[in-house]
Amino acid sequence: MTSPGLTVVIPAHNEAAYLPTVLASLERWQEISSERGEVIVVDNASTDATADMAASFGVRVISETVRNIGRVRNTGAAAAEGRWLFFTDADVALPMEAITAAATAVDNGAAGGAIPPLYTPKRLGARLLCAYWDHYRTNHGGAQGVAQFATAAAFQAVGGYRDDLFMSEDVEFFDRLTAHGRIKNAPVVILDELRVRPSTRRYDQWSSLRMLWWQNPVTARLRLNSPRMWRHWYQTTVR
């Protein structure tokens, strides 16, 4: 996928088992839409075949060794050639309409936006926790980083993602992007008609109590710039 218009940035740490799904979605979008875009997979110190798997799809692979998701996204953005950026996680299933809908929003003057996630974990407790955060997002206007997009100009203007945060860097970025959009009279939109389906591996592997500890409003704001505090969250959970 090569074009000066769009760059898709995918951070990836030990994601060889998941990358084919999102990369196949992007290939399928390309076939259906006849559009083209640049795809950058940022290999974040993987110890599995993540880089080789990404390269087998013909996408651009670059490296970032520091384990911090904000820094990884910024590294991808710094290498991008597109006039607008689409950030998505490596372990998601993108709807076919995702890129086209985001492109339409940008073409209509949006500074950026996001597509909300739809988590479908196996256990009831985990589903209730996901439903709470979906309700919270709807009422507070925030957006997770599973699928966020911005013009390159807006991304640079707000300074990208904070690389001193190890959690909630996506919500914090979206808040600054929204404020920038208001100043520039360029809306920042949430495409609620679509949903991105992320992997539920943590929800399915971790107990409901453990997930409740890591995903509640208090913990979510606790020592966000501490790598030690969030080291367990950053550990690989592929099984």
C-alpha atoms as a PDB file:
ATOM      1  CA  MET A   1       0.000   0.000   0.000  1.00  0.00           C
ATOM      2  CA  THR A   2       1.723   3.199  -1.129  1.00  0.00           C
ATOM      3  CA  SER A   3       0.210   6.660  -1.331  1.00  0.00           C
ATOM      4  CA  PRO A   4       1.032  10.117   0.066  1.00  0.00           C
ATOM      5  CA  GLY A   5      -2.517  10.437   1.426  1.00  0.00           C
ATOM      6  CA  LEU A   6      -2.828   7.872   4.214  1.00  0.00           C
ATOM      7  CA  THR A   7      -0.454   6.216   6.654  1.00  0.00           C
ATOM      8  CA  VAL A   8      -1.710   3.420   8.914  1.00  0.00           C
ATOM      9  CA  VAL A   9       0.492   3.011  12.000  1.00  0.00           C
ATOM     10  CA  ILE A  10       0.360  -0.301  13.882  1.00  0.00           C
ATOM     11  CA  PRO A  11       2.374  -0.729  17.114  1.00  0.00           C
ATOM     12  CA  ALA A  12       3.273  -4.367  17.673  1.00  0.00           C
ATOM     13  CA  HIS A  13       4.982  -6.267  20.487  1.00  0.00           C
ATOM     14  CA  ASN A  14       4.949 -10.056  20.051  1.00  0.00           C
ATOM     15  CA  GLU A  15       1.874  -9.872  17.821  1.00  0.00           C
ATOM     16  CA  ALA A  16       2.748 -12.472  15.165  1.00  0.00           C
ATOM     17  CA  ALA A  17      -0.398 -14.417  16.057  1.00  0.00           C
ATOM     18  CA  TYR A  18      -2.673 -11.386  15.656  1.00  0.00           C
ATOM     19  CA  LEU A  19      -1.140  -9.215  12.924  1.00  0.00           C
ATOM     20  CA  PRO A  20      -2.487 -11.259   9.992  1.00  0.00           C
ATOM     21  CA  THR A  21      -6.077 -10.321  10.891  1.00  0.00           C
ATOM     22  CA  VAL A  22      -5.622  -6.558  10.812  1.00  0.00           C
ATOM     23  CA  LEU A  23      -3.239  -6.656   7.839  1.00  0.00           C
ATOM     24  CA  ALA A  24      -5.653  -8.854   5.890  1.00  0.00           C
ATOM     25  CA  SER A  25      -8.430  -6.343   6.691  1.00  0.00           C
ATOM     26  CA  LEU A  26      -6.304  -3.546   5.236  1.00  0.00           C
ATOM     27  CA  GLU A  27      -5.538  -5.604   2.139  1.00  0.00           C
ATOM     28  CA  ARG A  28      -9.240  -6.331   1.680  1.00  0.00           C
ATOM     29  CA  TRP A  29     -10.090  -2.634   2.066  1.00  0.00           C
ATOM     30  CA  GLN A  30      -7.528  -1.859  -0.616  1.00  0.00           C
ATOM     31  CA  GLU A  31      -9.116  -4.383  -2.993  1.00  0.00           C
ATOM     32  CA  ILE A  32     -12.675  -3.187  -2.413  1.00  0.00           C
ATOM     33  CA  SER A  33     -12.009   0.553  -2.436  1.00  0.00           C
ATOM     34  CA  SER A  34      -9.224   0.624  -5.059  1.00  0.00           C
ATOM     35  CA  GLU A  35      -7.523   3.100  -2.716  1.00  0.00           C
ATOM     36  CA  ARG A  36      -3.932   2.909  -1.573  1.00  0.00           C
ATOM     37  CA  GLY A  37      -2.141   3.831   1.606  1.00  0.00           C
ATOM     38  CA  GLU A  38       1.139   3.363   3.443  1.00  0.00           C
ATOM     39  CA  VAL A  39       1.189   0.829   6.300  1.00  0.00           C
ATOM     40  CA  ILE A  40       3.883   1.019   8.970  1.00  0.00           C
ATOM     41  CA  VAL A  41       4.229  -1.729  11.582  1.00  0.00           C
ATOM     42  CA  VAL A  42       6.364  -0.516  14.488  1.00  0.00           C
ATOM     43  CA  ASP A  43       8.029  -3.595  15.969  1.00  0.00           C
ATOM     44  CA  ASN A  44       8.383  -2.831  19.678  1.00  0.00           C
ATOM     45  CA  ALA A  45      11.176  -5.149  20.878  1.00  0.00           C
ATOM     46  CA  SER A  46       9.347  -8.315  19.867  1.00  0.00           C
ATOM     47  CA  THR A  47      10.890 -11.683  20.633  1.00  0.00           C
ATOM     48  CA  ASP A  48       8.640 -13.598  18.248  1.00  0.00           C
ATOM     49  CA  ALA A  49       8.179 -13.437  14.457  1.00  0.00           C
ATOM     50  CA  THR A  50       6.244 -10.145  14.481  1.00  0.00           C
ATOM     51  CA  ALA A  51       8.641  -8.338  12.124  1.00  0.00           C
ATOM     52  CA  ASP A  52       8.817 -11.235   9.672  1.00  0.00           C
ATOM     53  CA  MET A  53       5.055 -11.683   9.709  1.00  0.00           C
ATOM     54  CA  ALA A  54       4.518  -8.003   8.950  1.00  0.00           C
ATOM     55  CA  ALA A  55       7.128  -8.015   6.201  1.00  0.00           C
ATOM     56  CA  SER A  56       5.424 -10.998   4.548  1.00  0.00           C
ATOM     57  CA  PHE A  57       2.443  -8.708   3.853  1.00  0.00           C
ATOM     58  CA  GLY A  58       4.698  -6.245   2.075  1.00  0.00           C
ATOM     59  CA  VAL A  59       4.244  -3.457   4.611  1.00  0.00           C
ATOM     60  CA  ARG A  60       6.953  -1.216   5.985  1.00  0.00           C
ATOM     61  CA  VAL A  61       8.486  -2.435   9.255  1.00  0.00           C
ATOM     62  CA  ILE A  62      10.457  -0.152  11.556  1.00  0.00           C
ATOM     63  CA  SER A  63      11.778  -0.666  15.077  1.00  0.00           C
ATOM     64  CA  GLU A  64      11.268   1.041  18.419  1.00  0.00           C
ATOM     65  CA  THR A  65      13.003  -0.662  21.333  1.00  0.00           C
ATOM     66  CA  VAL A  66      11.545   1.398  24.217  1.00  0.00           C
ATOM     67  CA  ARG A  67       8.441  -0.279  25.650  1.00  0.00           C
ATOM     68  CA  ASN A  68       6.057   2.649  25.798  1.00  0.00           C
ATOM     69  CA  ILE A  69       2.965   2.714  23.599  1.00  0.00           C
ATOM     70  CA  GLY A  70       2.926   6.500  23.149  1.00  0.00           C
ATOM     71  CA  ARG A  71       6.533   6.467  22.010  1.00  0.00           C
ATOM     72  CA  VAL A  72       5.857   3.584  19.633  1.00  0.00           C
ATOM     73  CA  ARG A  73       2.990   5.429  17.970  1.00  0.00           C
ATOM     74  CA  ASN A  74       5.086   8.596  17.724  1.00  0.00           C
ATOM     75  CA  THR A  75       7.922   6.636  16.097  1.00  0.00           C
ATOM     76  CA  GLY A  76       5.513   5.407  13.448  1.00  0.00           C
ATOM     77  CA  ALA A  77       4.126   8.898  12.906  1.00  0.00           C
ATOM     78  CA  ALA A  78       7.626  10.358  12.542  1.00  0.00           C
ATOM     79  CA  ALA A  79       8.349   7.911   9.722  1.00  0.00           C
ATOM     80  CA  ALA A  80       4.996   8.452   7.987  1.00  0.00           C
ATOM     81  CA  GLU A  81       4.659  10.076   4.587  1.00  0.00           C
ATOM     82  CA  GLY A  82       0.873  10.456   4.617  1.00  0.00           C
ATOM     83  CA  ARG A  83      -1.021  13.708   5.117  1.00  0.00           C
ATOM     84  CA  TRP A  84      -3.238  11.929   7.620  1.00  0.00           C
ATOM     85  CA  LEU A  85      -2.577   9.131  10.108  1.00  0.00           C
ATOM     86  CA  PHE A  86      -4.676   6.173  11.194  1.00  0.00           C
ATOM     87  CA  PHE A  87      -3.481   4.425  14.378  1.00  0.00           C
ATOM     88  CA  THR A  88      -4.774   0.945  15.114  1.00  0.00           C
ATOM     89  CA  ASP A  89      -3.669  -1.862  17.395  1.00  0.00           C
ATOM     90  CA  ALA A  90      -2.172  -5.090  16.078  1.00  0.00           C
ATOM     91  CA  ASP A  91      -4.763  -7.355  17.699  1.00  0.00           C
ATOM     92  CA  VAL A  92      -7.965  -5.944  16.199  1.00  0.00           C
ATOM     93  CA  ALA A  93     -10.437  -6.769  13.454  1.00  0.00           C
ATOM     94  CA  LEU A  94     -11.187  -3.619  11.456  1.00  0.00           C
ATOM     95  CA  PRO A  95     -14.533  -3.238   9.703  1.00  0.00           C
ATOM     96  CA  MET A  96     -14.139  -2.761   5.960  1.00  0.00           C
ATOM     97  CA  GLU A  97     -15.682   0.705   6.223  1.00  0.00           C
ATOM     98  CA  ALA A  98     -13.230   1.960   8.863  1.00  0.00           C
ATOM     99  CA  ILE A  99     -10.570   3.561   6.674  1.00  0.00           C
ATOM    100  CA  THR A 100     -13.079   4.943   4.180  1.00  0.00           C
ATOM    101  CA  ALA A 101     -15.211   6.486   6.940  1.00  0.00           C
ATOM    102  CA  ALA A 102     -12.158   8.065   8.578  1.00  0.00           C
ATOM    103  CA  ALA A 103     -10.941   9.380   5.202  1.00  0.00           C
ATOM    104  CA  THR A 104     -14.361  10.902   4.519  1.00  0.00           C
ATOM    105  CA  ALA A 105     -14.308  12.660   7.906  1.00  0.00           C
ATOM    106  CA  VAL A 106     -10.846  14.091   7.185  1.00  0.00           C
ATOM    107  CA  ASP A 107     -11.856  15.163   3.673  1.00  0.00           C
ATOM    108  CA  ASN A 108     -14.859  16.941   5.211  1.00  0.00           C
ATOM    109  CA  GLY A 109     -12.570  19.007   7.429  1.00  0.00           C
ATOM    110  CA  ALA A 110     -12.138  16.916  10.578  1.00  0.00           C
ATOM    111  CA  ALA A 111      -8.852  17.252  12.457  1.00  0.00           C
ATOM    112  CA  GLY A 112      -9.201  13.630  13.505  1.00  0.00           C
ATOM    113  CA  GLY A 113     -11.358  11.175  15.356  1.00  0.00           C
ATOM    114  CA  ALA A 114     -11.758   7.617  16.564  1.00  0.00           C
ATOM    115  CA  ILE A 115     -13.722   4.429  16.093  1.00  0.00           C
ATOM    116  CA  PRO A 116     -14.922   2.879  19.382  1.00  0.00           C
ATOM    117  CA  PRO A 117     -14.037  -0.696  20.335  1.00  0.00           C
ATOM    118  CA  LEU A 118     -16.454  -3.546  20.855  1.00  0.00           C
ATOM    119  CA  TYR A 119     -15.072  -6.056  23.341  1.00  0.00           C
ATOM    120  CA  THR A 120     -16.770  -9.457  23.579  1.00  0.00           C
ATOM    121  CA  PRO A 121     -15.045 -11.343  26.427  1.00  0.00           C
ATOM    122  CA  LYS A 122     -16.262 -14.747  27.522  1.00  0.00           C
ATOM    123  CA  ARG A 123     -17.026 -14.064  31.197  1.00  0.00           C
ATOM    124  CA  LEU A 124     -20.011 -12.057  32.412  1.00  0.00           C
ATOM    125  CA  GLY A 125     -17.907  -9.975  34.825  1.00  0.00           C
ATOM    126  CA  ALA A 126     -15.573  -8.934  32.024  1.00  0.00           C
ATOM    127  CA  ARG A 127     -18.508  -8.081  29.748  1.00  0.00           C
ATOM    128  CA  LEU A 128     -20.012  -5.881  32.453  1.00  0.00           C
ATOM    129  CA  LEU A 129     -16.688  -4.095  32.921  1.00  0.00           C
ATOM    130  CA  CYS A 130     -16.460  -3.455  29.170  1.00  0.00           C
ATOM    131  CA  ALA A 131     -20.038  -2.185  29.151  1.00  0.00           C
ATOM    132  CA  TYR A 132     -19.183   0.245  31.954  1.00  0.00           C
ATOM    133  CA  TRP A 133     -16.258   1.723  30.015  1.00  0.00           C
ATOM    134  CA  ASP A 134     -18.348   1.974  26.859  1.00  0.00           C
ATOM    135  CA  HIS A 135     -20.978   3.878  28.851  1.00  0.00           C
ATOM    136  CA  TYR A 136     -18.265   6.070  30.398  1.00  0.00           C
ATOM    137  CA  ARG A 137     -16.808   6.868  26.979  1.00  0.00           C
ATOM    138  CA  THR A 138     -20.213   7.733  25.562  1.00  0.00           C
ATOM    139  CA  ASN A 139     -20.947  10.161  28.383  1.00  0.00           C
ATOM    140  CA  HIS A 140     -17.490  11.740  28.617  1.00  0.00           C
ATOM    141  CA  GLY A 141     -16.517  11.876  24.955  1.00  0.00           C
ATOM    142  CA  GLY A 142     -13.210  10.064  25.299  1.00  0.00           C
ATOM    143  CA  ALA A 143     -11.785   7.538  22.868  1.00  0.00           C
ATOM    144  CA  GLN A 144      -9.385   4.609  23.182  1.00  0.00           C
ATOM    145  CA  GLY A 145      -6.365   4.163  20.949  1.00  0.00           C
ATOM    146  CA  VAL A 146      -7.521   0.934  19.316  1.00  0.00           C
ATOM    147  CA  ALA A 147      -8.468   3.075  16.305  1.00  0.00           C
ATOM    148  CA  GLN A 148      -7.682   6.800  16.326  1.00  0.00           C
ATOM    149  CA  PHE A 149      -6.907   9.060  13.395  1.00  0.00           C
ATOM    150  CA  ALA A 150      -5.668  12.601  12.829  1.00  0.00           C
ATOM    151  CA  THR A 151      -4.309  14.783  10.095  1.00  0.00           C
ATOM    152  CA  ALA A 152      -0.523  14.892  10.171  1.00  0.00           C
ATOM    153  CA  ALA A 153      -0.721  18.639  10.720  1.00  0.00           C
ATOM    154  CA  ALA A 154      -3.022  18.280  13.746  1.00  0.00           C
ATOM    155  CA  PHE A 155      -0.902  15.448  15.159  1.00  0.00           C
ATOM    156  CA  GLN A 156       2.214  17.596  14.952  1.00  0.00           C
ATOM    157  CA  ALA A 157       0.416  20.658  16.335  1.00  0.00           C
ATOM    158  CA  VAL A 158      -0.613  18.848  19.529  1.00  0.00           C
ATOM    159  CA  GLY A 159       2.765  17.118  19.912  1.00  0.00           C
ATOM    160  CA  GLY A 160       1.595  13.557  19.332  1.00  0.00           C
ATOM    161  CA  TYR A 161       1.167  11.057  22.158  1.00  0.00           C
ATOM    162  CA  ARG A 162       2.829  11.651  25.504  1.00  0.00           C
ATOM    163  CA  ASP A 163       5.670   9.169  25.898  1.00  0.00           C
ATOM    164  CA  ASP A 164       5.928   9.745  29.642  1.00  0.00           C
ATOM    165  CA  LEU A 165       2.592   7.961  30.176  1.00  0.00           C
ATOM    166  CA  PHE A 166       2.298   4.185  30.298  1.00  0.00           C
ATOM    167  CA  MET A 167      -1.503   4.101  30.426  1.00  0.00           C
ATOM    168  CA  SER A 168      -4.342   6.371  29.237  1.00  0.00           C
ATOM    169  CA  GLU A 169      -2.008   8.068  26.755  1.00  0.00           C
ATOM    170  CA  ASP A 170      -4.662   7.541  24.071  1.00  0.00           C
ATOM    171  CA  VAL A 171      -7.449   9.270  26.030  1.00  0.00           C
ATOM    172  CA  GLU A 172      -5.111  12.130  26.957  1.00  0.00           C
ATOM    173  CA  PHE A 173      -4.078  12.532  23.301  1.00  0.00           C
ATOM    174  CA  PHE A 174      -7.700  12.552  22.177  1.00  0.00           C
ATOM    175  CA  ASP A 175      -8.528  15.294  24.703  1.00  0.00           C
ATOM    176  CA  ARG A 176      -5.743  17.517  23.328  1.00  0.00           C
ATOM    177  CA  LEU A 177      -6.713  16.739  19.749  1.00  0.00           C
ATOM    178  CA  THR A 178     -10.322  17.695  20.522  1.00  0.00           C
ATOM    179  CA  ALA A 179      -9.238  20.980  22.102  1.00  0.00           C
ATOM    180  CA  HIS A 180      -7.069  21.721  19.061  1.00  0.00           C
ATOM    181  CA  GLY A 181      -9.989  20.977  16.764  1.00  0.00           C
ATOM    182  CA  ARG A 182     -12.187  23.462  18.596  1.00  0.00           C
ATOM    183  CA  ILE A 183      -9.563  26.189  18.215  1.00  0.00           C
ATOM    184  CA  LYS A 184      -9.133  25.451  14.501  1.00  0.00           C
ATOM    185  CA  ASN A 185     -12.868  24.968  13.883  1.00  0.00           C
ATOM    186  CA  ALA A 186     -12.054  21.446  12.704  1.00  0.00           C
ATOM    187  CA  PRO A 187     -14.232  18.803  14.369  1.00  0.00           C
ATOM    188  CA  VAL A 188     -12.870  15.721  16.063  1.00  0.00           C
ATOM    189  CA  VAL A 189     -15.396  12.961  15.506  1.00  0.00           C
ATOM    190  CA  ILE A 190     -16.250   9.608  17.047  1.00  0.00           C
ATOM    191  CA  LEU A 191     -17.601   7.268  14.378  1.00  0.00           C
ATOM    192  CA  ASP A 192     -20.199   5.592  16.568  1.00  0.00           C
ATOM    193  CA  GLU A 193     -21.824   3.798  13.647  1.00  0.00           C
ATOM    194  CA  LEU A 194     -18.742   1.566  13.438  1.00  0.00           C
ATOM    195  CA  ARG A 195     -16.965  -0.685  15.912  1.00  0.00           C
ATOM    196  CA  VAL A 196     -13.468  -2.174  16.004  1.00  0.00           C
ATOM    197  CA  ARG A 197     -13.228  -5.618  17.583  1.00  0.00           C
ATOM    198  CA  PRO A 198     -10.066  -5.955  19.697  1.00  0.00           C
ATOM    199  CA  SER A 199      -8.688  -9.184  21.090  1.00  0.00           C
ATOM    200  CA  THR A 200     -10.146 -10.073  24.498  1.00  0.00           C
ATOM    201  CA  ARG A 201      -7.056 -12.030  25.583  1.00  0.00           C
ATOM    202  CA  ARG A 202      -6.506 -10.149  28.853  1.00  0.00           C
ATOM    203  CA  TYR A 203     -10.187 -10.331  29.759  1.00  0.00           C
ATOM    204  CA  ASP A 204     -10.248 -14.052  29.036  1.00  0.00           C
ATOM    205  CA  GLN A 205      -6.924 -14.920  30.722  1.00  0.00           C
ATOM    206  CA  TRP A 206      -7.091 -12.652  33.752  1.00  0.00           C
ATOM    207  CA  SER A 207      -9.638 -13.035  36.534  1.00  0.00           C
ATOM    208  CA  SER A 208     -12.481 -10.528  36.708  1.00  0.00           C
ATOM    209  CA  LEU A 209     -11.072  -9.157  39.972  1.00  0.00           C
ATOM    210  CA  ARG A 210      -7.669  -8.627  38.392  1.00  0.00           C
ATOM    211  CA  MET A 211      -9.230  -6.807  35.441  1.00  0.00           C
ATOM    212  CA  LEU A 212     -11.353  -4.723  37.796  1.00  0.00           C
ATOM    213  CA  TRP A 213      -8.195  -3.621  39.614  1.00  0.00           C
ATOM    214  CA  TRP A 214      -6.433  -2.561  36.425  1.00  0.00           C
ATOM    215  CA  GLN A 215      -9.506  -1.080  34.746  1.00  0.00           C
ATOM    216  CA  ASN A 216     -11.333   1.147  37.183  1.00  0.00           C
ATOM    217  CA  PRO A 217     -11.403   4.968  37.266  1.00  0.00           C
ATOM    218  CA  VAL A 218      -9.056   5.152  40.274  1.00  0.00           C
ATOM    219  CA  THR A 219      -6.333   2.790  39.054  1.00  0.00           C
ATOM    220  CA  ALA A 220      -6.639   4.207  35.526  1.00  0.00           C
ATOM    221  CA  ARG A 221      -5.324   7.511  36.898  1.00  0.00           C
ATOM    222  CA  LEU A 222      -2.752   6.074  39.287  1.00  0.00           C
ATOM    223  CA  ARG A 223       0.932   6.707  38.590  1.00  0.00           C
ATOM    224  CA  LEU A 224       0.413   6.835  34.839  1.00  0.00           C
ATOM    225  CA  ASN A 225       4.078   7.686  34.263  1.00  0.00           C
ATOM    226  CA  SER A 226       5.421   4.734  36.270  1.00  0.00           C
ATOM    227  CA  PRO A 227       6.733   1.831  34.144  1.00  0.00           C
ATOM    228  CA  ARG A 228       6.899  -0.300  37.279  1.00  0.00           C
ATOM    229  CA  MET A 229       3.249   0.329  38.105  1.00  0.00           C
ATOM    230  CA  TRP A 230       2.121  -0.777  34.625  1.00  0.00           C
ATOM    231  CA  ARG A 231       4.710  -3.470  33.896  1.00  0.00           C
ATOM    232  CA  HIS A 232       2.169  -6.311  34.167  1.00  0.00           C
ATOM    233  CA  TRP A 233      -0.128  -4.606  31.665  1.00  0.00           C
ATOM    234  CA  TYR A 234       2.745  -4.395  29.192  1.00  0.00           C
ATOM    235  CA  GLN A 235       3.646  -8.055  29.508  1.00  0.00           C
ATOM    236  CA  THR A 236       2.773 -10.273  26.571  1.00  0.00           C
ATOM    237  CA  THR A 237      -0.465 -12.191  27.061  1.00  0.00           C
ATOM    238  CA  VAL A 238      -0.581 -14.208  23.826  1.00  0.00           C
ATOM    239  CA  ARG A 239      -1.658 -17.813  24.258  1.00  0.00           C
END
